[in-house]
Amino acid sequence: KLCNETVIKEMFFSGKSFTSPAIRLVWKEDNNEVPIKSIIVVPKKKIRLATKRNIIRRRMKEAYRLNRIELENTLKANKLQLNIAIIYQREQILSYKVVDDEIKLMLERLTKEI
């Protein structure tokens, strides 16, 4: 889990990113003890109700948890460490299937980029 506020600001300021219609992924290489540190963001500006934000966040966390294994293996093989932010971009709640497909696509693109 990515918690340090200065690291998060630096990642958004000087990190690289991919964007899809529903999700934006921002990442930056770092010197951590773990291969990946991540944060999942659902902006209050897009989704007003906290319960709806929590539903989306849970779906994104589960999709990320199930699909991150290939990326972790690539990072361990190359001895790299990343900080990742996954940001929700839509104004309505998407089904788990759509969120899962989007996150899978973004993580595959990131694996190819590294």
N, C-alpha and C. Protein backbone atom coordinates (compact mmCIF):
# COMPACT_ATOMS: atom_id res chain seq x y z
N LYS A 1 0.85 -1.18 0.00
CA LYS A 1 0.00 0.00 0.00
C LYS A 1 0.89 1.24 0.00
N LEU A 2 0.52 2.19 -0.81
CA LEU A 2 1.28 3.42 -0.94
C LEU A 2 0.67 4.49 -0.04
N CYS A 3 1.43 4.95 0.96
CA CYS A 3 0.87 5.87 1.96
C CYS A 3 1.59 7.22 2.03
N ASN A 4 2.85 7.27 1.67
CA ASN A 4 3.64 8.47 1.84
C ASN A 4 3.17 9.59 0.91
N GLU A 5 2.75 10.70 1.47
CA GLU A 5 2.16 11.79 0.70
C GLU A 5 3.16 12.42 -0.28
N THR A 6 4.42 12.57 0.13
CA THR A 6 5.41 13.17 -0.77
C THR A 6 5.71 12.25 -1.95
N VAL A 7 5.74 10.94 -1.71
CA VAL A 7 5.97 9.98 -2.80
C VAL A 7 4.81 10.02 -3.78
N ILE A 8 3.58 10.13 -3.27
CA ILE A 8 2.40 10.19 -4.13
C ILE A 8 2.42 11.46 -4.98
N LYS A 9 2.74 12.61 -4.37
CA LYS A 9 2.81 13.86 -5.12
C LYS A 9 3.88 13.80 -6.20
N GLU A 10 5.03 13.24 -5.86
CA GLU A 10 6.12 13.11 -6.83
C GLU A 10 5.72 12.19 -7.99
N MET A 11 5.00 11.11 -7.66
CA MET A 11 4.55 10.18 -8.70
C MET A 11 3.60 10.89 -9.67
N PHE A 12 2.65 11.66 -9.16
CA PHE A 12 1.71 12.36 -10.04
C PHE A 12 2.40 13.48 -10.82
N PHE A 13 3.42 14.10 -10.23
CA PHE A 13 4.11 15.20 -10.89
C PHE A 13 5.04 14.72 -11.99
N SER A 14 5.81 13.67 -11.73
CA SER A 14 6.82 13.26 -12.70
C SER A 14 6.70 11.81 -13.18
N GLY A 15 5.59 11.17 -12.89
CA GLY A 15 5.39 9.79 -13.32
C GLY A 15 4.84 9.70 -14.73
N LYS A 16 4.80 8.47 -15.25
CA LYS A 16 4.24 8.20 -16.57
C LYS A 16 2.82 7.67 -16.38
N SER A 17 2.01 7.72 -17.46
CA SER A 17 0.63 7.27 -17.29
C SER A 17 0.06 6.69 -18.58
N PHE A 18 -0.98 5.85 -18.40
CA PHE A 18 -1.84 5.34 -19.46
C PHE A 18 -3.25 5.78 -19.12
N THR A 19 -4.06 5.99 -20.13
CA THR A 19 -5.46 6.33 -19.90
C THR A 19 -6.35 5.47 -20.78
N SER A 20 -7.40 4.96 -20.18
CA SER A 20 -8.46 4.28 -20.93
C SER A 20 -9.74 5.05 -20.63
N PRO A 21 -10.85 4.70 -21.26
CA PRO A 21 -12.08 5.45 -20.99
C PRO A 21 -12.51 5.44 -19.52
N ALA A 22 -12.24 4.36 -18.81
CA ALA A 22 -12.74 4.25 -17.43
C ALA A 22 -11.66 4.43 -16.37
N ILE A 23 -10.40 4.13 -16.72
CA ILE A 23 -9.34 4.10 -15.71
C ILE A 23 -8.08 4.76 -16.23
N ARG A 24 -7.39 5.45 -15.32
CA ARG A 24 -6.09 6.03 -15.62
C ARG A 24 -5.07 5.38 -14.69
N LEU A 25 -3.93 4.98 -15.22
CA LEU A 25 -2.89 4.35 -14.43
C LEU A 25 -1.65 5.23 -14.47
N VAL A 26 -1.15 5.62 -13.31
CA VAL A 26 0.05 6.44 -13.20
C VAL A 26 1.09 5.62 -12.46
N TRP A 27 2.34 5.62 -12.96
CA TRP A 27 3.37 4.86 -12.26
C TRP A 27 4.71 5.58 -12.32
N LYS A 28 5.57 5.21 -11.40
CA LYS A 28 6.92 5.75 -11.33
C LYS A 28 7.82 4.70 -10.70
N GLU A 29 9.01 4.54 -11.24
CA GLU A 29 9.97 3.60 -10.64
C GLU A 29 10.47 4.17 -9.32
N ASP A 30 10.76 3.27 -8.38
CA ASP A 30 11.18 3.70 -7.04
C ASP A 30 12.08 2.63 -6.44
N ASN A 31 12.71 2.94 -5.32
CA ASN A 31 13.55 1.97 -4.61
C ASN A 31 12.83 1.54 -3.34
N ASN A 32 11.92 0.59 -3.49
CA ASN A 32 11.18 0.03 -2.35
C ASN A 32 11.77 -1.33 -2.01
N GLU A 33 11.32 -1.87 -0.89
CA GLU A 33 11.70 -3.24 -0.56
C GLU A 33 10.74 -4.24 -1.18
N VAL A 34 9.58 -3.77 -1.65
CA VAL A 34 8.60 -4.64 -2.30
C VAL A 34 8.50 -4.26 -3.78
N PRO A 35 8.10 -5.22 -4.65
CA PRO A 35 8.05 -4.91 -6.09
C PRO A 35 7.03 -3.82 -6.46
N ILE A 36 5.84 -3.84 -5.82
CA ILE A 36 4.79 -2.88 -6.18
C ILE A 36 4.18 -2.27 -4.93
N LYS A 37 4.05 -0.95 -4.95
CA LYS A 37 3.22 -0.26 -3.96
C LYS A 37 2.13 0.43 -4.75
N SER A 38 0.89 0.29 -4.31
CA SER A 38 -0.21 0.83 -5.12
C SER A 38 -1.20 1.63 -4.27
N ILE A 39 -1.94 2.46 -4.98
CA ILE A 39 -3.03 3.23 -4.37
C ILE A 39 -4.18 3.24 -5.38
N ILE A 40 -5.40 3.12 -4.88
CA ILE A 40 -6.58 3.14 -5.73
C ILE A 40 -7.39 4.37 -5.38
N VAL A 41 -7.73 5.17 -6.40
CA VAL A 41 -8.38 6.46 -6.18
C VAL A 41 -9.71 6.51 -6.92
N VAL A 42 -10.76 6.89 -6.21
CA VAL A 42 -12.06 7.15 -6.81
C VAL A 42 -12.42 8.59 -6.40
N PRO A 43 -12.30 9.55 -7.32
CA PRO A 43 -12.47 10.96 -6.97
C PRO A 43 -13.89 11.31 -6.52
N LYS A 44 -13.96 12.11 -5.47
CA LYS A 44 -15.24 12.60 -4.97
C LYS A 44 -15.91 13.52 -5.99
N LYS A 45 -15.10 14.17 -6.82
CA LYS A 45 -15.63 15.05 -7.85
C LYS A 45 -16.47 14.28 -8.87
N LYS A 46 -16.10 13.03 -9.14
CA LYS A 46 -16.82 12.21 -10.12
C LYS A 46 -17.98 11.44 -9.48
N ILE A 47 -17.73 10.84 -8.31
CA ILE A 47 -18.74 10.02 -7.61
C ILE A 47 -19.00 10.66 -6.25
N ARG A 48 -20.16 11.24 -6.07
CA ARG A 48 -20.45 12.00 -4.86
C ARG A 48 -20.65 11.14 -3.61
N LEU A 49 -21.45 10.09 -3.73
CA LEU A 49 -21.80 9.31 -2.54
C LEU A 49 -20.67 8.36 -2.14
N ALA A 50 -20.33 8.36 -0.86
CA ALA A 50 -19.25 7.53 -0.35
C ALA A 50 -19.53 6.03 -0.55
N THR A 51 -20.78 5.64 -0.42
CA THR A 51 -21.11 4.21 -0.58
C THR A 51 -20.82 3.75 -2.01
N LYS A 52 -21.11 4.61 -2.98
CA LYS A 52 -20.83 4.27 -4.37
C LYS A 52 -19.33 4.25 -4.64
N ARG A 53 -18.59 5.20 -4.04
CA ARG A 53 -17.13 5.21 -4.17
C ARG A 53 -16.53 3.93 -3.58
N ASN A 54 -17.08 3.49 -2.45
CA ASN A 54 -16.58 2.26 -1.82
C ASN A 54 -16.83 1.04 -2.68
N ILE A 55 -18.00 0.97 -3.32
CA ILE A 55 -18.31 -0.14 -4.21
C ILE A 55 -17.29 -0.20 -5.35
N ILE A 56 -17.05 0.94 -5.96
CA ILE A 56 -16.10 1.01 -7.08
C ILE A 56 -14.70 0.64 -6.60
N ARG A 57 -14.29 1.18 -5.46
CA ARG A 57 -12.96 0.90 -4.92
C ARG A 57 -12.78 -0.60 -4.64
N ARG A 58 -13.80 -1.24 -4.08
CA ARG A 58 -13.73 -2.68 -3.81
C ARG A 58 -13.59 -3.48 -5.10
N ARG A 59 -14.34 -3.09 -6.12
CA ARG A 59 -14.25 -3.79 -7.41
C ARG A 59 -12.87 -3.62 -8.03
N MET A 60 -12.33 -2.41 -7.94
CA MET A 60 -11.00 -2.15 -8.50
C MET A 60 -9.92 -2.90 -7.73
N LYS A 61 -10.01 -2.93 -6.41
CA LYS A 61 -9.04 -3.66 -5.60
C LYS A 61 -9.04 -5.14 -5.93
N GLU A 62 -10.20 -5.72 -6.07
CA GLU A 62 -10.31 -7.14 -6.36
C GLU A 62 -9.75 -7.45 -7.75
N ALA A 63 -10.07 -6.63 -8.74
CA ALA A 63 -9.56 -6.84 -10.09
C ALA A 63 -8.03 -6.69 -10.11
N TYR A 64 -7.51 -5.72 -9.39
CA TYR A 64 -6.07 -5.51 -9.30
C TYR A 64 -5.40 -6.71 -8.60
N ARG A 65 -5.99 -7.16 -7.52
CA ARG A 65 -5.43 -8.29 -6.75
C ARG A 65 -5.32 -9.54 -7.62
N LEU A 66 -6.32 -9.80 -8.44
CA LEU A 66 -6.33 -11.00 -9.27
C LEU A 66 -5.41 -10.90 -10.49
N ASN A 67 -5.13 -9.71 -10.96
CA ASN A 67 -4.38 -9.55 -12.20
C ASN A 67 -2.95 -9.04 -12.05
N ARG A 68 -2.50 -8.79 -10.85
CA ARG A 68 -1.17 -8.20 -10.66
C ARG A 68 -0.02 -9.20 -10.68
N ILE A 69 -0.31 -10.50 -10.67
CA ILE A 69 0.72 -11.53 -10.51
C ILE A 69 1.75 -11.49 -11.64
N GLU A 70 1.29 -11.36 -12.89
CA GLU A 70 2.21 -11.32 -14.02
C GLU A 70 3.15 -10.12 -13.93
N LEU A 71 2.60 -8.97 -13.55
CA LEU A 71 3.41 -7.76 -13.40
C LEU A 71 4.44 -7.94 -12.29
N GLU A 72 4.04 -8.52 -11.16
CA GLU A 72 4.98 -8.75 -10.05
C GLU A 72 6.12 -9.66 -10.48
N ASN A 73 5.80 -10.72 -11.23
CA ASN A 73 6.84 -11.64 -11.70
C ASN A 73 7.83 -10.95 -12.63
N THR A 74 7.32 -10.09 -13.51
CA THR A 74 8.19 -9.33 -14.42
C THR A 74 9.10 -8.39 -13.64
N LEU A 75 8.54 -7.71 -12.64
CA LEU A 75 9.33 -6.79 -11.83
C LEU A 75 10.41 -7.52 -11.03
N LYS A 76 10.06 -8.69 -10.47
CA LYS A 76 11.04 -9.47 -9.71
C LYS A 76 12.16 -9.96 -10.62
N ALA A 77 11.82 -10.37 -11.83
CA ALA A 77 12.82 -10.86 -12.78
C ALA A 77 13.78 -9.74 -13.19
N ASN A 78 13.26 -8.53 -13.35
CA ASN A 78 14.07 -7.38 -13.76
C ASN A 78 14.62 -6.59 -12.58
N LYS A 79 14.29 -7.01 -11.37
CA LYS A 79 14.73 -6.33 -10.13
C LYS A 79 14.34 -4.85 -10.14
N LEU A 80 13.07 -4.59 -10.44
CA LEU A 80 12.53 -3.23 -10.45
C LEU A 80 11.47 -3.09 -9.36
N GLN A 81 11.25 -1.85 -8.92
CA GLN A 81 10.18 -1.54 -7.99
C GLN A 81 9.36 -0.38 -8.56
N LEU A 82 8.03 -0.48 -8.41
CA LEU A 82 7.14 0.55 -8.95
C LEU A 82 6.19 1.06 -7.89
N ASN A 83 5.82 2.33 -8.03
CA ASN A 83 4.68 2.90 -7.34
C ASN A 83 3.59 3.08 -8.39
N ILE A 84 2.37 2.62 -8.08
CA ILE A 84 1.27 2.65 -9.05
C ILE A 84 0.06 3.34 -8.43
N ALA A 85 -0.60 4.20 -9.21
CA ALA A 85 -1.90 4.76 -8.83
C ALA A 85 -2.91 4.37 -9.91
N ILE A 86 -4.04 3.81 -9.47
CA ILE A 86 -5.12 3.45 -10.38
C ILE A 86 -6.29 4.39 -10.08
N ILE A 87 -6.68 5.21 -11.06
CA ILE A 87 -7.66 6.27 -10.84
C ILE A 87 -8.90 6.00 -11.68
N TYR A 88 -10.05 6.05 -11.04
CA TYR A 88 -11.33 5.84 -11.72
C TYR A 88 -11.72 7.13 -12.43
N GLN A 89 -12.19 7.04 -13.69
CA GLN A 89 -12.45 8.23 -14.50
C GLN A 89 -13.92 8.48 -14.82
N ARG A 90 -14.78 7.51 -14.60
CA ARG A 90 -16.18 7.63 -15.02
C ARG A 90 -17.03 8.30 -13.95
N GLU A 91 -18.23 8.73 -14.35
CA GLU A 91 -19.17 9.35 -13.42
C GLU A 91 -20.28 8.40 -13.00
N GLN A 92 -20.30 7.20 -13.56
CA GLN A 92 -21.30 6.21 -13.14
C GLN A 92 -20.57 4.92 -12.76
N ILE A 93 -21.26 4.06 -12.03
CA ILE A 93 -20.68 2.81 -11.57
C ILE A 93 -20.68 1.80 -12.72
N LEU A 94 -19.52 1.21 -12.98
CA LEU A 94 -19.41 0.18 -14.01
C LEU A 94 -19.46 -1.19 -13.35
N SER A 95 -19.87 -2.18 -14.11
CA SER A 95 -19.93 -3.55 -13.58
C SER A 95 -18.53 -4.06 -13.29
N TYR A 96 -18.45 -5.10 -12.46
CA TYR A 96 -17.15 -5.67 -12.12
C TYR A 96 -16.44 -6.19 -13.37
N LYS A 97 -17.17 -6.78 -14.27
CA LYS A 97 -16.58 -7.34 -15.49
C LYS A 97 -15.86 -6.26 -16.30
N VAL A 98 -16.47 -5.11 -16.45
CA VAL A 98 -15.87 -4.01 -17.22
C VAL A 98 -14.62 -3.49 -16.50
N VAL A 99 -14.73 -3.31 -15.19
CA VAL A 99 -13.59 -2.82 -14.39
C VAL A 99 -12.44 -3.83 -14.48
N ASP A 100 -12.75 -5.11 -14.37
CA ASP A 100 -11.73 -6.16 -14.44
C ASP A 100 -11.03 -6.14 -15.80
N ASP A 101 -11.79 -6.03 -16.87
CA ASP A 101 -11.20 -5.98 -18.21
C ASP A 101 -10.29 -4.77 -18.39
N GLU A 102 -10.73 -3.61 -17.89
CA GLU A 102 -9.94 -2.38 -18.01
C GLU A 102 -8.62 -2.50 -17.23
N ILE A 103 -8.69 -2.99 -16.01
CA ILE A 103 -7.48 -3.11 -15.19
C ILE A 103 -6.53 -4.15 -15.78
N LYS A 104 -7.09 -5.25 -16.28
CA LYS A 104 -6.27 -6.28 -16.92
C LYS A 104 -5.53 -5.68 -18.12
N LEU A 105 -6.22 -4.90 -18.94
CA LEU A 105 -5.62 -4.25 -20.10
C LEU A 105 -4.50 -3.29 -19.68
N MET A 106 -4.76 -2.48 -18.66
CA MET A 106 -3.77 -1.51 -18.20
C MET A 106 -2.53 -2.20 -17.64
N LEU A 107 -2.71 -3.26 -16.87
CA LEU A 107 -1.56 -3.97 -16.31
C LEU A 107 -0.76 -4.69 -17.39
N GLU A 108 -1.43 -5.20 -18.41
CA GLU A 108 -0.72 -5.81 -19.54
C GLU A 108 0.11 -4.77 -20.29
N ARG A 109 -0.45 -3.60 -20.51
CA ARG A 109 0.29 -2.51 -21.17
C ARG A 109 1.51 -2.10 -20.35
N LEU A 110 1.32 -2.04 -19.03
CA LEU A 110 2.43 -1.66 -18.15
C LEU A 110 3.52 -2.72 -18.17
N THR A 111 3.13 -3.99 -18.18
CA THR A 111 4.11 -5.08 -18.24
C THR A 111 4.92 -5.01 -19.53
N LYS A 112 4.27 -4.71 -20.65
CA LYS A 112 4.97 -4.59 -21.93
C LYS A 112 5.90 -3.37 -21.94
N GLU A 113 5.46 -2.29 -21.31
CA GLU A 113 6.26 -1.06 -21.27
C GLU A 113 7.55 -1.25 -20.47
N ILE A 114 7.48 -2.05 -19.44
CA ILE A 114 8.66 -2.30 -18.60
C ILE A 114 9.50 -3.33 -19.29
